[in-house]
């Protein structure tokens, strides 16, 4: 009985498989930081945190292989944070995010 339980437990996945996320950041005149998340197998998200004294206008481009890039434009007020997500038609294998922010 013990061997049977061990065999069943070995068949179960012990960790969730996450996809890698690469971020290319270009910020001009703003103090901006980010945190990325692999929300679901076909959804990628990033949280933008503005630590500066001026608001930022950001263009976030999500790329997942051969699919068309998803572009999101957001404004991040001074001292605030904004969540940005993109949904894809296929499972994400590797997500590339280009972050371009400028002071308003």
N, C-alpha and C. Protein backbone atom coordinates (compact mmCIF):
# COMPACT_ATOMS: atom_id res chain seq x y z
N UNK A 1 0.82 -1.20 0.00
CA UNK A 1 0.00 0.00 0.00
C UNK A 1 0.86 1.26 0.00
N UNK A 2 1.92 1.21 0.77
CA UNK A 2 2.83 2.35 0.86
C UNK A 2 3.47 2.65 -0.49
N UNK A 3 3.91 1.60 -1.19
CA UNK A 3 4.54 1.77 -2.50
C UNK A 3 3.56 2.32 -3.52
N UNK A 4 2.30 1.94 -3.42
CA UNK A 4 1.27 2.43 -4.34
C UNK A 4 1.05 3.93 -4.15
N UNK A 5 1.00 4.37 -2.90
CA UNK A 5 0.80 5.81 -2.61
C UNK A 5 1.98 6.63 -3.09
N UNK A 6 3.18 6.11 -2.92
CA UNK A 6 4.38 6.83 -3.39
C UNK A 6 4.38 6.92 -4.91
N UNK A 7 3.99 5.88 -5.58
CA UNK A 7 3.95 5.88 -7.04
C UNK A 7 2.94 6.90 -7.57
N UNK A 8 1.80 7.01 -6.91
CA UNK A 8 0.79 7.98 -7.33
C UNK A 8 1.28 9.40 -7.10
N UNK A 9 1.93 9.65 -5.98
CA UNK A 9 2.46 10.98 -5.69
C UNK A 9 3.56 11.39 -6.65
N UNK A 10 4.33 10.45 -7.13
CA UNK A 10 5.41 10.76 -8.08
C UNK A 10 4.85 11.16 -9.44
N UNK A 11 3.65 10.72 -9.74
CA UNK A 11 3.03 11.06 -11.03
C UNK A 11 2.48 12.49 -11.06
N UNK A 12 2.21 13.07 -9.90
CA UNK A 12 1.65 14.41 -9.83
C UNK A 12 2.75 15.46 -9.99
N UNK A 13 2.45 16.54 -10.70
CA UNK A 13 3.46 17.61 -10.80
C UNK A 13 3.58 18.32 -9.45
N UNK A 14 4.80 18.58 -9.05
CA UNK A 14 5.03 19.19 -7.76
C UNK A 14 5.17 20.71 -7.86
N UNK A 15 5.53 21.21 -9.03
CA UNK A 15 5.68 22.66 -9.20
C UNK A 15 4.93 23.09 -10.44
N UNK A 16 4.50 24.32 -10.42
CA UNK A 16 3.84 24.88 -11.60
C UNK A 16 4.92 25.34 -12.59
N UNK A 17 4.65 25.14 -13.85
CA UNK A 17 5.60 25.53 -14.88
C UNK A 17 5.30 26.96 -15.29
N UNK A 18 6.26 27.83 -15.14
CA UNK A 18 6.09 29.23 -15.50
C UNK A 18 6.93 29.52 -16.75
N UNK A 19 6.51 30.49 -17.51
CA UNK A 19 7.26 30.86 -18.70
C UNK A 19 8.18 32.04 -18.37
N UNK A 20 9.32 32.14 -19.07
CA UNK A 20 10.24 33.25 -18.81
C UNK A 20 9.71 34.55 -19.40
N UNK A 21 10.03 35.65 -18.73
CA UNK A 21 9.60 36.98 -19.18
C UNK A 21 10.83 37.86 -19.27
N UNK A 22 11.08 38.41 -20.46
CA UNK A 22 12.17 39.35 -20.68
C UNK A 22 11.58 40.75 -20.82
N UNK A 23 12.19 41.73 -20.14
CA UNK A 23 11.72 43.11 -20.20
C UNK A 23 12.83 44.00 -20.69
N UNK A 24 12.53 44.79 -21.71
CA UNK A 24 13.45 45.81 -22.22
C UNK A 24 12.88 47.15 -21.79
N UNK A 25 13.60 47.84 -20.89
CA UNK A 25 13.08 49.06 -20.27
C UNK A 25 13.79 50.28 -20.81
N UNK A 26 13.00 51.29 -21.22
CA UNK A 26 13.52 52.57 -21.67
C UNK A 26 12.70 53.66 -20.99
N UNK A 27 13.28 54.30 -19.98
CA UNK A 27 12.57 55.34 -19.23
C UNK A 27 13.38 56.63 -19.33
N UNK A 28 12.70 57.71 -19.72
CA UNK A 28 13.34 59.00 -19.87
C UNK A 28 12.72 60.00 -18.89
N UNK A 29 13.47 60.39 -17.88
CA UNK A 29 13.02 61.43 -16.97
C UNK A 29 12.02 60.99 -15.92
N UNK A 30 11.82 59.69 -15.74
CA UNK A 30 10.90 59.20 -14.71
C UNK A 30 11.59 58.12 -13.88
N UNK A 31 11.19 58.01 -12.62
CA UNK A 31 11.69 56.96 -11.75
C UNK A 31 10.63 55.87 -11.72
N UNK A 32 10.81 54.89 -12.60
CA UNK A 32 9.80 53.86 -12.80
C UNK A 32 10.42 52.50 -12.56
N UNK A 33 9.68 51.65 -11.88
CA UNK A 33 10.08 50.27 -11.65
C UNK A 33 8.93 49.36 -12.08
N UNK A 34 9.21 48.08 -12.26
CA UNK A 34 8.18 47.16 -12.73
C UNK A 34 8.29 45.82 -12.02
N UNK A 35 7.19 45.09 -12.04
CA UNK A 35 7.13 43.70 -11.58
C UNK A 35 6.30 42.93 -12.59
N UNK A 36 6.84 41.80 -13.07
CA UNK A 36 6.12 41.00 -14.06
C UNK A 36 5.47 39.79 -13.40
N UNK A 37 4.39 39.32 -14.03
CA UNK A 37 3.64 38.17 -13.52
C UNK A 37 3.25 37.26 -14.69
N UNK A 38 3.32 35.96 -14.46
CA UNK A 38 2.78 35.00 -15.43
C UNK A 38 1.41 34.57 -14.91
N UNK A 39 0.42 35.38 -15.20
CA UNK A 39 -0.92 35.24 -14.64
C UNK A 39 -1.57 33.92 -15.02
N UNK A 40 -1.55 33.58 -16.28
CA UNK A 40 -2.13 32.33 -16.78
C UNK A 40 -1.30 31.87 -17.96
N UNK A 41 -1.63 30.72 -18.53
CA UNK A 41 -0.84 30.17 -19.62
C UNK A 41 -0.90 31.05 -20.87
N UNK A 42 -1.93 31.90 -21.01
CA UNK A 42 -2.06 32.75 -22.19
C UNK A 42 -2.20 34.24 -21.85
N UNK A 43 -1.93 34.61 -20.60
CA UNK A 43 -2.05 36.01 -20.16
C UNK A 43 -0.75 36.43 -19.49
N UNK A 44 -0.22 37.55 -19.93
CA UNK A 44 0.95 38.12 -19.30
C UNK A 44 0.58 39.46 -18.69
N UNK A 45 1.23 39.83 -17.59
CA UNK A 45 0.92 41.11 -16.96
C UNK A 45 2.16 41.72 -16.34
N UNK A 46 2.12 43.04 -16.20
CA UNK A 46 3.21 43.79 -15.61
C UNK A 46 2.60 44.90 -14.76
N UNK A 47 3.21 45.17 -13.62
CA UNK A 47 2.79 46.27 -12.76
C UNK A 47 3.86 47.35 -12.83
N UNK A 48 3.44 48.56 -13.18
CA UNK A 48 4.35 49.70 -13.28
C UNK A 48 4.20 50.56 -12.03
N UNK A 49 5.31 50.86 -11.37
CA UNK A 49 5.32 51.69 -10.16
C UNK A 49 6.10 52.97 -10.45
N UNK A 50 5.46 54.11 -10.28
CA UNK A 50 6.10 55.39 -10.51
C UNK A 50 6.51 55.96 -9.15
N UNK A 51 7.82 56.01 -8.89
CA UNK A 51 8.34 56.52 -7.63
C UNK A 51 8.75 57.99 -7.72
N UNK A 52 8.61 58.59 -8.89
CA UNK A 52 9.04 59.97 -9.10
C UNK A 52 7.97 60.98 -8.73
N UNK A 53 8.29 62.25 -9.00
CA UNK A 53 7.39 63.36 -8.71
C UNK A 53 6.59 63.82 -9.93
N UNK A 54 6.87 63.23 -11.09
CA UNK A 54 6.16 63.61 -12.32
C UNK A 54 5.41 62.40 -12.88
N UNK A 55 4.25 62.63 -13.51
CA UNK A 55 3.52 61.51 -14.13
C UNK A 55 4.27 61.00 -15.37
N UNK A 56 4.01 59.75 -15.71
CA UNK A 56 4.68 59.12 -16.84
C UNK A 56 3.66 58.62 -17.86
N UNK A 57 4.00 58.78 -19.13
CA UNK A 57 3.21 58.22 -20.23
C UNK A 57 3.98 57.02 -20.77
N UNK A 58 3.39 55.84 -20.70
CA UNK A 58 4.10 54.61 -21.04
C UNK A 58 3.42 53.87 -22.20
N UNK A 59 4.27 53.25 -23.01
CA UNK A 59 3.82 52.36 -24.08
C UNK A 59 4.41 50.99 -23.75
N UNK A 60 3.55 50.00 -23.56
CA UNK A 60 3.97 48.65 -23.20
C UNK A 60 3.63 47.73 -24.36
N UNK A 61 4.64 47.03 -24.90
CA UNK A 61 4.45 46.12 -26.02
C UNK A 61 4.74 44.70 -25.56
N UNK A 62 3.73 43.84 -25.67
CA UNK A 62 3.86 42.43 -25.30
C UNK A 62 4.07 41.63 -26.58
N UNK A 63 5.10 40.76 -26.60
CA UNK A 63 5.37 39.89 -27.76
C UNK A 63 5.43 38.44 -27.31
N UNK A 64 4.73 37.59 -28.05
CA UNK A 64 4.73 36.16 -27.79
C UNK A 64 4.93 35.43 -29.11
N UNK A 65 6.16 35.27 -29.51
CA UNK A 65 6.47 34.51 -30.71
C UNK A 65 5.85 35.07 -31.97
N UNK A 66 5.18 34.21 -32.76
CA UNK A 66 4.69 34.64 -34.07
C UNK A 66 3.41 35.48 -34.05
N UNK A 67 2.77 35.60 -32.89
CA UNK A 67 1.53 36.38 -32.84
C UNK A 67 1.82 37.87 -32.97
N UNK A 68 0.80 38.61 -33.36
CA UNK A 68 0.94 40.06 -33.47
C UNK A 68 1.19 40.66 -32.08
N UNK A 69 2.08 41.64 -31.98
CA UNK A 69 2.34 42.25 -30.67
C UNK A 69 1.11 42.95 -30.13
N UNK A 70 0.95 42.92 -28.83
CA UNK A 70 -0.14 43.63 -28.16
C UNK A 70 0.45 44.90 -27.56
N UNK A 71 -0.09 46.06 -27.93
CA UNK A 71 0.41 47.35 -27.46
C UNK A 71 -0.62 47.95 -26.51
N UNK A 72 -0.15 48.38 -25.35
CA UNK A 72 -0.99 49.05 -24.36
C UNK A 72 -0.35 50.39 -24.01
N UNK A 73 -1.16 51.44 -23.98
CA UNK A 73 -0.68 52.77 -23.59
C UNK A 73 -1.36 53.15 -22.28
N UNK A 74 -0.54 53.50 -21.28
CA UNK A 74 -1.07 53.85 -19.96
C UNK A 74 -0.36 55.09 -19.44
N UNK A 75 -1.06 55.81 -18.58
CA UNK A 75 -0.48 56.93 -17.85
C UNK A 75 -0.36 56.51 -16.39
N UNK A 76 0.82 56.74 -15.82
CA UNK A 76 1.07 56.39 -14.43
C UNK A 76 1.29 57.68 -13.66
N UNK A 77 0.38 57.99 -12.75
CA UNK A 77 0.49 59.21 -11.96
C UNK A 77 1.68 59.11 -11.01
N UNK A 78 2.17 60.25 -10.55
CA UNK A 78 3.30 60.28 -9.62
C UNK A 78 2.93 59.58 -8.32
N UNK A 79 3.78 58.66 -7.89
CA UNK A 79 3.55 57.93 -6.65
C UNK A 79 2.50 56.83 -6.74
N UNK A 80 2.05 56.50 -7.91
CA UNK A 80 1.00 55.47 -8.09
C UNK A 80 1.54 54.28 -8.86
N UNK A 81 0.71 53.25 -8.98
CA UNK A 81 1.05 52.07 -9.77
C UNK A 81 -0.12 51.68 -10.67
N UNK A 82 0.20 51.02 -11.77
CA UNK A 82 -0.81 50.61 -12.75
C UNK A 82 -0.51 49.18 -13.19
N UNK A 83 -1.55 48.36 -13.32
CA UNK A 83 -1.41 47.01 -13.84
C UNK A 83 -1.76 47.01 -15.32
N UNK A 84 -0.93 46.32 -16.12
CA UNK A 84 -1.15 46.23 -17.56
C UNK A 84 -1.12 44.75 -17.93
N UNK A 85 -2.12 44.28 -18.67
CA UNK A 85 -2.19 42.87 -19.06
C UNK A 85 -2.40 42.73 -20.56
N UNK A 86 -2.05 41.55 -21.06
CA UNK A 86 -2.28 41.23 -22.46
C UNK A 86 -2.68 39.76 -22.55
N UNK A 87 -3.70 39.49 -23.35
CA UNK A 87 -4.20 38.14 -23.55
C UNK A 87 -3.80 37.68 -24.96
N UNK A 88 -3.28 36.46 -25.06
CA UNK A 88 -2.86 35.91 -26.35
C UNK A 88 -3.74 34.74 -26.74
N UNK A 89 -3.70 34.39 -28.03
CA UNK A 89 -4.51 33.28 -28.54
C UNK A 89 -3.85 31.93 -28.29
N UNK A 90 -2.53 31.92 -28.12
CA UNK A 90 -1.79 30.69 -27.91
C UNK A 90 -1.16 30.67 -26.53
N UNK A 91 -0.68 29.52 -26.13
CA UNK A 91 0.04 29.40 -24.87
C UNK A 91 1.37 30.15 -24.99
N UNK A 92 1.72 30.88 -23.95
CA UNK A 92 2.96 31.65 -23.94
C UNK A 92 4.12 30.73 -23.60
N UNK A 93 5.13 30.75 -24.45
CA UNK A 93 6.34 29.97 -24.20
C UNK A 93 7.41 30.90 -23.61
N UNK A 94 7.57 32.07 -24.23
CA UNK A 94 8.48 33.09 -23.72
C UNK A 94 7.85 34.44 -24.05
N UNK A 95 7.70 35.28 -23.04
CA UNK A 95 7.07 36.59 -23.21
C UNK A 95 8.14 37.67 -23.20
N UNK A 96 8.09 38.53 -24.21
CA UNK A 96 9.00 39.68 -24.30
C UNK A 96 8.18 40.95 -24.16
N UNK A 97 8.59 41.80 -23.23
CA UNK A 97 7.88 43.06 -22.98
C UNK A 97 8.83 44.22 -23.23
N UNK A 98 8.40 45.16 -24.06
CA UNK A 98 9.16 46.39 -24.30
C UNK A 98 8.42 47.51 -23.59
N UNK A 99 9.13 48.19 -22.70
CA UNK A 99 8.55 49.25 -21.87
C UNK A 99 9.21 50.57 -22.23
N UNK A 100 8.43 51.51 -22.74
CA UNK A 100 8.94 52.81 -23.15
C UNK A 100 8.15 53.90 -22.43
N UNK A 101 8.79 54.60 -21.50
CA UNK A 101 8.11 55.62 -20.70
C UNK A 101 8.82 56.95 -20.78
N UNK A 102 8.00 58.01 -20.81
CA UNK A 102 8.52 59.37 -20.84
C UNK A 102 7.74 60.21 -19.85
N UNK A 103 8.38 61.27 -19.36
CA UNK A 103 7.71 62.18 -18.44
C UNK A 103 6.66 62.97 -19.21
N UNK A 104 5.53 63.25 -18.57
CA UNK A 104 4.48 64.03 -19.23
C UNK A 104 4.72 65.50 -19.04
